[in-house]
């Protein structure tokens, strides 16, 4: 079991930055892939970024060049640095974990945090 707790969401103006954090508790964090997803009202949950235990990374095209995912396997934390935010980035952001390598489908992740709201005003 892995328990995940997100923090760092909030309200920011377009062009601003936010840093989301995900604290992991339970099984060895270094053995899991960590993903970030988001869900806007009325829309399906969508992939944002993911990072393997070894550091391999993948981003969705919509955030590439603006968001940076990272992890600290000693502190059992993951982070999502979000720069140049746009109103279209407004959503509830979730961190998720899975055994094995990263995937982009939310259906492939077994463990989820409670989500944190990110609102970007124009």
N, C-alpha and C. Protein backbone atom coordinates (compact mmCIF):
# COMPACT_ATOMS: atom_id res chain seq x y z
N UNK A 1 0.83 -1.20 0.00
CA UNK A 1 0.00 0.00 0.00
C UNK A 1 0.86 1.25 0.00
N UNK A 2 0.43 2.24 -0.75
CA UNK A 2 1.07 3.55 -0.75
C UNK A 2 -0.01 4.59 -0.50
N UNK A 3 0.20 5.43 0.48
CA UNK A 3 -0.73 6.53 0.76
C UNK A 3 -0.08 7.83 0.29
N UNK A 4 -0.86 8.61 -0.44
CA UNK A 4 -0.34 9.83 -1.05
C UNK A 4 -1.12 11.04 -0.54
N UNK A 5 -0.40 12.10 -0.25
CA UNK A 5 -1.03 13.34 0.22
C UNK A 5 -0.45 14.50 -0.57
N UNK A 6 -1.32 15.19 -1.33
CA UNK A 6 -0.88 16.33 -2.12
C UNK A 6 -1.00 17.63 -1.33
N UNK A 7 -0.21 18.60 -1.71
CA UNK A 7 -0.31 19.94 -1.15
C UNK A 7 0.22 20.93 -2.16
N UNK A 8 -0.07 22.21 -1.94
CA UNK A 8 0.51 23.25 -2.76
C UNK A 8 -0.41 23.89 -3.77
N UNK A 9 -1.65 23.44 -3.87
CA UNK A 9 -2.56 24.06 -4.81
C UNK A 9 -2.96 25.45 -4.35
N UNK A 10 -3.71 26.16 -5.20
CA UNK A 10 -4.16 27.48 -4.84
C UNK A 10 -4.62 28.27 -6.03
N UNK A 11 -4.77 29.57 -5.83
CA UNK A 11 -5.21 30.50 -6.87
C UNK A 11 -4.02 31.33 -7.33
N UNK A 12 -3.85 31.41 -8.64
CA UNK A 12 -2.72 32.17 -9.20
C UNK A 12 -3.18 32.84 -10.48
N UNK A 13 -2.58 33.97 -10.80
CA UNK A 13 -2.90 34.64 -12.05
C UNK A 13 -2.20 33.97 -13.22
N UNK A 14 -2.75 34.13 -14.40
CA UNK A 14 -2.12 33.59 -15.60
C UNK A 14 -0.69 34.10 -15.71
N UNK A 15 0.20 33.19 -16.07
CA UNK A 15 1.61 33.51 -16.15
C UNK A 15 2.38 33.23 -14.88
N UNK A 16 1.66 32.96 -13.81
CA UNK A 16 2.29 32.69 -12.53
C UNK A 16 2.74 31.25 -12.38
N UNK A 17 3.22 30.92 -11.18
CA UNK A 17 3.76 29.60 -10.90
C UNK A 17 3.19 29.03 -9.61
N UNK A 18 3.14 27.72 -9.56
CA UNK A 18 2.78 26.99 -8.35
C UNK A 18 3.64 25.73 -8.30
N UNK A 19 3.87 25.26 -7.08
CA UNK A 19 4.62 24.02 -6.90
C UNK A 19 3.76 23.07 -6.09
N UNK A 20 3.42 21.95 -6.68
CA UNK A 20 2.66 20.92 -5.98
C UNK A 20 3.61 19.89 -5.40
N UNK A 21 3.25 19.38 -4.24
CA UNK A 21 4.05 18.34 -3.61
C UNK A 21 3.17 17.13 -3.32
N UNK A 22 3.80 15.98 -3.29
CA UNK A 22 3.10 14.74 -3.01
C UNK A 22 3.96 13.95 -2.02
N UNK A 23 3.44 13.76 -0.83
CA UNK A 23 4.15 12.97 0.19
C UNK A 23 3.62 11.55 0.17
N UNK A 24 4.53 10.59 0.18
CA UNK A 24 4.15 9.18 0.10
C UNK A 24 4.45 8.46 1.40
N UNK A 25 3.53 7.61 1.80
CA UNK A 25 3.68 6.83 3.03
C UNK A 25 3.37 5.37 2.70
N UNK A 26 4.10 4.48 3.32
CA UNK A 26 3.79 3.07 3.12
C UNK A 26 4.95 2.33 2.50
N UNK A 27 4.67 1.58 1.45
CA UNK A 27 5.70 0.76 0.84
C UNK A 27 6.80 1.61 0.25
N UNK A 28 7.88 0.97 -0.09
CA UNK A 28 9.06 1.67 -0.56
C UNK A 28 8.73 2.56 -1.76
N UNK A 29 8.86 3.84 -1.55
CA UNK A 29 8.52 4.82 -2.58
C UNK A 29 9.41 4.69 -3.79
N UNK A 30 10.65 4.31 -3.58
CA UNK A 30 11.59 4.27 -4.69
C UNK A 30 11.27 3.17 -5.69
N UNK A 31 10.37 2.26 -5.35
CA UNK A 31 10.05 1.16 -6.25
C UNK A 31 8.84 1.44 -7.12
N UNK A 32 8.26 2.62 -7.01
CA UNK A 32 7.05 2.92 -7.75
C UNK A 32 7.27 4.08 -8.72
N UNK A 33 6.47 4.10 -9.77
CA UNK A 33 6.41 5.25 -10.67
C UNK A 33 5.39 6.24 -10.12
N UNK A 34 5.68 7.50 -10.26
CA UNK A 34 4.81 8.56 -9.76
C UNK A 34 4.25 9.36 -10.93
N UNK A 35 2.94 9.56 -10.91
CA UNK A 35 2.31 10.32 -11.97
C UNK A 35 1.49 11.46 -11.41
N UNK A 36 1.32 12.49 -12.23
CA UNK A 36 0.42 13.61 -11.92
C UNK A 36 -0.68 13.64 -12.99
N UNK A 37 -1.89 13.78 -12.53
CA UNK A 37 -3.05 13.87 -13.40
C UNK A 37 -3.87 15.08 -12.97
N UNK A 38 -4.78 15.50 -13.83
CA UNK A 38 -5.67 16.59 -13.47
C UNK A 38 -7.06 16.34 -14.06
N UNK A 39 -8.03 16.94 -13.39
CA UNK A 39 -9.41 16.78 -13.84
C UNK A 39 -10.14 18.10 -13.67
N UNK A 40 -10.59 18.64 -14.78
CA UNK A 40 -11.37 19.86 -14.77
C UNK A 40 -12.85 19.50 -14.71
N UNK A 41 -13.70 20.41 -14.26
CA UNK A 41 -15.13 20.11 -14.16
C UNK A 41 -15.71 19.67 -15.51
N UNK A 42 -16.42 18.55 -15.48
CA UNK A 42 -17.06 18.05 -16.69
C UNK A 42 -16.14 17.35 -17.66
N UNK A 43 -14.88 17.20 -17.29
CA UNK A 43 -13.91 16.55 -18.19
C UNK A 43 -13.34 15.30 -17.54
N UNK A 44 -12.76 14.45 -18.38
CA UNK A 44 -12.14 13.24 -17.87
C UNK A 44 -10.78 13.58 -17.23
N UNK A 45 -10.35 12.69 -16.37
CA UNK A 45 -9.04 12.85 -15.76
C UNK A 45 -7.98 12.67 -16.84
N UNK A 46 -7.03 13.59 -16.90
CA UNK A 46 -6.02 13.52 -17.95
C UNK A 46 -4.61 13.49 -17.39
N UNK A 47 -3.75 12.87 -18.14
CA UNK A 47 -2.34 12.73 -17.77
C UNK A 47 -1.64 14.07 -17.89
N UNK A 48 -0.76 14.36 -16.93
CA UNK A 48 0.05 15.57 -16.96
C UNK A 48 1.53 15.22 -17.11
N UNK A 49 2.05 14.42 -16.20
CA UNK A 49 3.47 14.07 -16.22
C UNK A 49 3.68 12.85 -15.34
N UNK A 50 4.77 12.13 -15.59
CA UNK A 50 5.10 10.97 -14.77
C UNK A 50 6.61 10.78 -14.73
N UNK A 51 7.05 10.14 -13.66
CA UNK A 51 8.48 9.90 -13.48
C UNK A 51 8.70 8.51 -12.91
N UNK A 52 9.63 7.79 -13.51
CA UNK A 52 9.99 6.46 -13.03
C UNK A 52 10.82 6.54 -11.75
N UNK A 53 10.96 5.39 -11.08
CA UNK A 53 11.81 5.37 -9.89
C UNK A 53 13.26 5.72 -10.26
N UNK A 54 13.64 5.40 -11.51
CA UNK A 54 15.02 5.65 -11.94
C UNK A 54 15.22 7.06 -12.49
N UNK A 55 14.11 7.82 -12.62
CA UNK A 55 14.23 9.19 -13.08
C UNK A 55 13.75 9.45 -14.49
N UNK A 56 13.39 8.42 -15.24
CA UNK A 56 12.83 8.63 -16.56
C UNK A 56 11.53 9.42 -16.47
N UNK A 57 11.33 10.35 -17.40
CA UNK A 57 10.23 11.30 -17.31
C UNK A 57 9.46 11.37 -18.62
N UNK A 58 8.16 11.63 -18.51
CA UNK A 58 7.33 11.85 -19.69
C UNK A 58 6.30 12.92 -19.36
N UNK A 59 6.09 13.84 -20.30
CA UNK A 59 5.12 14.93 -20.12
C UNK A 59 4.05 14.88 -21.20
N UNK A 60 2.88 15.37 -20.87
CA UNK A 60 1.88 15.57 -21.90
C UNK A 60 2.30 16.77 -22.74
N UNK A 61 1.88 16.79 -23.97
CA UNK A 61 2.24 17.90 -24.85
C UNK A 61 1.74 19.24 -24.33
N UNK A 62 0.63 19.22 -23.62
CA UNK A 62 0.02 20.48 -23.16
C UNK A 62 0.83 21.18 -22.07
N UNK A 63 1.72 20.44 -21.39
CA UNK A 63 2.49 21.05 -20.30
C UNK A 63 3.99 21.03 -20.56
N UNK A 64 4.41 20.36 -21.61
CA UNK A 64 5.84 20.24 -21.89
C UNK A 64 6.46 21.63 -22.05
N UNK A 65 7.58 21.83 -21.37
CA UNK A 65 8.25 23.12 -21.42
C UNK A 65 7.79 24.10 -20.36
N UNK A 66 6.68 23.80 -19.70
CA UNK A 66 6.16 24.68 -18.64
C UNK A 66 6.18 24.01 -17.28
N UNK A 67 5.94 22.72 -17.24
CA UNK A 67 5.90 21.97 -15.98
C UNK A 67 7.16 21.11 -15.85
N UNK A 68 7.59 20.91 -14.60
CA UNK A 68 8.73 20.04 -14.33
C UNK A 68 8.38 19.09 -13.19
N UNK A 69 8.50 17.80 -13.45
CA UNK A 69 8.24 16.80 -12.43
C UNK A 69 9.56 16.34 -11.83
N UNK A 70 9.55 16.05 -10.54
CA UNK A 70 10.75 15.57 -9.87
C UNK A 70 10.34 14.69 -8.70
N UNK A 71 11.31 13.99 -8.15
CA UNK A 71 11.03 13.15 -6.99
C UNK A 71 12.29 13.05 -6.13
N UNK A 72 12.08 12.78 -4.86
CA UNK A 72 13.17 12.55 -3.92
C UNK A 72 12.89 11.23 -3.23
N UNK A 73 13.63 10.21 -3.62
CA UNK A 73 13.40 8.86 -3.09
C UNK A 73 13.85 8.70 -1.65
N UNK A 74 14.62 9.63 -1.14
CA UNK A 74 15.02 9.59 0.27
C UNK A 74 13.93 10.20 1.15
N UNK A 75 13.37 11.31 0.69
CA UNK A 75 12.33 11.99 1.46
C UNK A 75 10.93 11.45 1.14
N UNK A 76 10.84 10.53 0.18
CA UNK A 76 9.55 9.98 -0.23
C UNK A 76 8.57 11.07 -0.68
N UNK A 77 9.05 11.95 -1.50
CA UNK A 77 8.20 13.02 -2.00
C UNK A 77 8.32 13.16 -3.51
N UNK A 78 7.27 13.71 -4.10
CA UNK A 78 7.29 14.06 -5.50
C UNK A 78 6.83 15.49 -5.64
N UNK A 79 7.27 16.15 -6.70
CA UNK A 79 6.91 17.54 -6.90
C UNK A 79 6.55 17.80 -8.36
N UNK A 80 5.69 18.78 -8.54
CA UNK A 80 5.34 19.25 -9.87
C UNK A 80 5.45 20.77 -9.86
N UNK A 81 6.51 21.27 -10.49
CA UNK A 81 6.70 22.71 -10.60
C UNK A 81 5.96 23.18 -11.86
N UNK A 82 5.03 24.10 -11.67
CA UNK A 82 4.20 24.56 -12.78
C UNK A 82 4.47 26.04 -13.03
N UNK A 83 5.00 26.35 -14.18
CA UNK A 83 5.31 27.73 -14.58
C UNK A 83 4.46 28.15 -15.76
N UNK A 84 4.40 29.44 -15.99
CA UNK A 84 3.63 29.98 -17.12
C UNK A 84 2.23 29.41 -17.16
N UNK A 85 1.58 29.43 -16.03
CA UNK A 85 0.26 28.82 -15.92
C UNK A 85 -0.77 29.57 -16.76
N UNK A 86 -1.72 28.80 -17.28
CA UNK A 86 -2.78 29.33 -18.13
C UNK A 86 -4.14 29.01 -17.49
N UNK A 87 -5.17 29.77 -17.84
CA UNK A 87 -6.50 29.42 -17.32
C UNK A 87 -6.91 27.98 -17.64
N UNK A 88 -6.46 27.48 -18.75
CA UNK A 88 -6.76 26.10 -19.14
C UNK A 88 -6.13 25.06 -18.25
N UNK A 89 -5.20 25.47 -17.38
CA UNK A 89 -4.58 24.53 -16.44
C UNK A 89 -5.43 24.36 -15.18
N UNK A 90 -6.49 25.13 -15.07
CA UNK A 90 -7.36 25.04 -13.90
C UNK A 90 -7.98 23.65 -13.79
N UNK A 91 -7.79 23.01 -12.65
CA UNK A 91 -8.28 21.65 -12.44
C UNK A 91 -7.94 21.21 -11.02
N UNK A 92 -8.46 20.06 -10.64
CA UNK A 92 -7.98 19.37 -9.45
C UNK A 92 -6.82 18.48 -9.89
N UNK A 93 -5.70 18.62 -9.22
CA UNK A 93 -4.50 17.87 -9.57
C UNK A 93 -4.32 16.73 -8.57
N UNK A 94 -4.02 15.55 -9.12
CA UNK A 94 -3.84 14.36 -8.32
C UNK A 94 -2.46 13.77 -8.55
N UNK A 95 -1.83 13.31 -7.51
CA UNK A 95 -0.66 12.47 -7.71
C UNK A 95 -1.09 11.01 -7.56
N UNK A 96 -0.40 10.15 -8.24
CA UNK A 96 -0.74 8.74 -8.27
C UNK A 96 0.54 7.92 -8.34
N UNK A 97 0.46 6.68 -7.90
CA UNK A 97 1.63 5.81 -7.91
C UNK A 97 1.24 4.42 -8.41
N UNK A 98 2.20 3.77 -9.03
CA UNK A 98 2.00 2.41 -9.51
C UNK A 98 3.31 1.65 -9.42
N UNK A 99 3.21 0.35 -9.26
CA UNK A 99 4.40 -0.49 -9.31
C UNK A 99 4.87 -0.58 -10.76
N UNK A 100 6.16 -0.60 -10.95
CA UNK A 100 6.69 -0.71 -12.30
C UNK A 100 6.96 0.63 -12.92
N UNK A 101 7.00 0.65 -14.25
CA UNK A 101 7.37 1.86 -14.97
C UNK A 101 6.18 2.78 -15.19
N UNK A 102 6.47 4.01 -15.59
CA UNK A 102 5.42 5.00 -15.74
C UNK A 102 4.45 4.63 -16.86
N UNK A 103 3.23 5.08 -16.69
CA UNK A 103 2.18 4.93 -17.69
C UNK A 103 1.45 6.26 -17.79
N UNK A 104 0.69 6.44 -18.86
CA UNK A 104 -0.03 7.70 -19.04
C UNK A 104 -1.53 7.56 -18.81
N UNK A 105 -2.02 6.34 -18.63
CA UNK A 105 -3.44 6.15 -18.38
C UNK A 105 -3.71 6.11 -16.88
N UNK A 106 -4.71 6.86 -16.41
CA UNK A 106 -5.04 6.80 -14.98
C UNK A 106 -5.47 5.40 -14.54
N UNK A 107 -5.96 4.61 -15.46
CA UNK A 107 -6.40 3.25 -15.11
C UNK A 107 -5.24 2.35 -14.69
N UNK A 108 -4.03 2.75 -15.02
CA UNK A 108 -2.85 1.93 -14.68
C UNK A 108 -2.26 2.26 -13.32
N UNK A 109 -2.85 3.21 -12.62
CA UNK A 109 -2.33 3.62 -11.31
C UNK A 109 -3.24 3.12 -10.20
N UNK A 110 -2.65 2.45 -9.22
CA UNK A 110 -3.43 1.84 -8.15
C UNK A 110 -3.62 2.75 -6.95
N UNK A 111 -2.71 3.69 -6.77
CA UNK A 111 -2.73 4.52 -5.56
C UNK A 111 -2.91 5.99 -5.95
N UNK A 112 -3.79 6.67 -5.21
CA UNK A 112 -4.14 8.05 -5.52
C UNK A 112 -4.20 8.91 -4.27
N UNK A 113 -3.80 10.17 -4.45
CA UNK A 113 -4.00 11.14 -3.40
C UNK A 113 -5.41 11.72 -3.47
N UNK A 114 -5.70 12.63 -2.57
CA UNK A 114 -7.05 13.19 -2.48
C UNK A 114 -7.27 14.34 -3.45
N UNK A 115 -6.21 14.85 -4.03
CA UNK A 115 -6.32 15.94 -4.99
C UNK A 115 -6.15 17.30 -4.35
N UNK A 116 -5.66 18.24 -5.14
CA UNK A 116 -5.50 19.63 -4.70
C UNK A 116 -5.94 20.56 -5.83
N UNK A 117 -6.70 21.57 -5.49
CA UNK A 117 -7.27 22.46 -6.49
C UNK A 117 -6.25 23.50 -6.95
N UNK A 118 -6.14 23.64 -8.26
CA UNK A 118 -5.34 24.70 -8.87
C UNK A 118 -6.28 25.54 -9.73
N UNK A 119 -6.31 26.83 -9.44
CA UNK A 119 -7.15 27.76 -10.20
C UNK A 119 -6.29 28.87 -10.76
N UNK A 120 -6.37 29.04 -12.08
CA UNK A 120 -5.59 30.07 -12.76
C UNK A 120 -6.55 31.11 -13.32
N UNK A 121 -6.42 32.32 -12.84
CA UNK A 121 -7.32 33.39 -13.29
C UNK A 121 -6.69 34.14 -14.46
N UNK A 122 -7.55 34.64 -15.34
CA UNK A 122 -7.05 35.37 -16.52
C UNK A 122 -6.89 36.85 -16.23
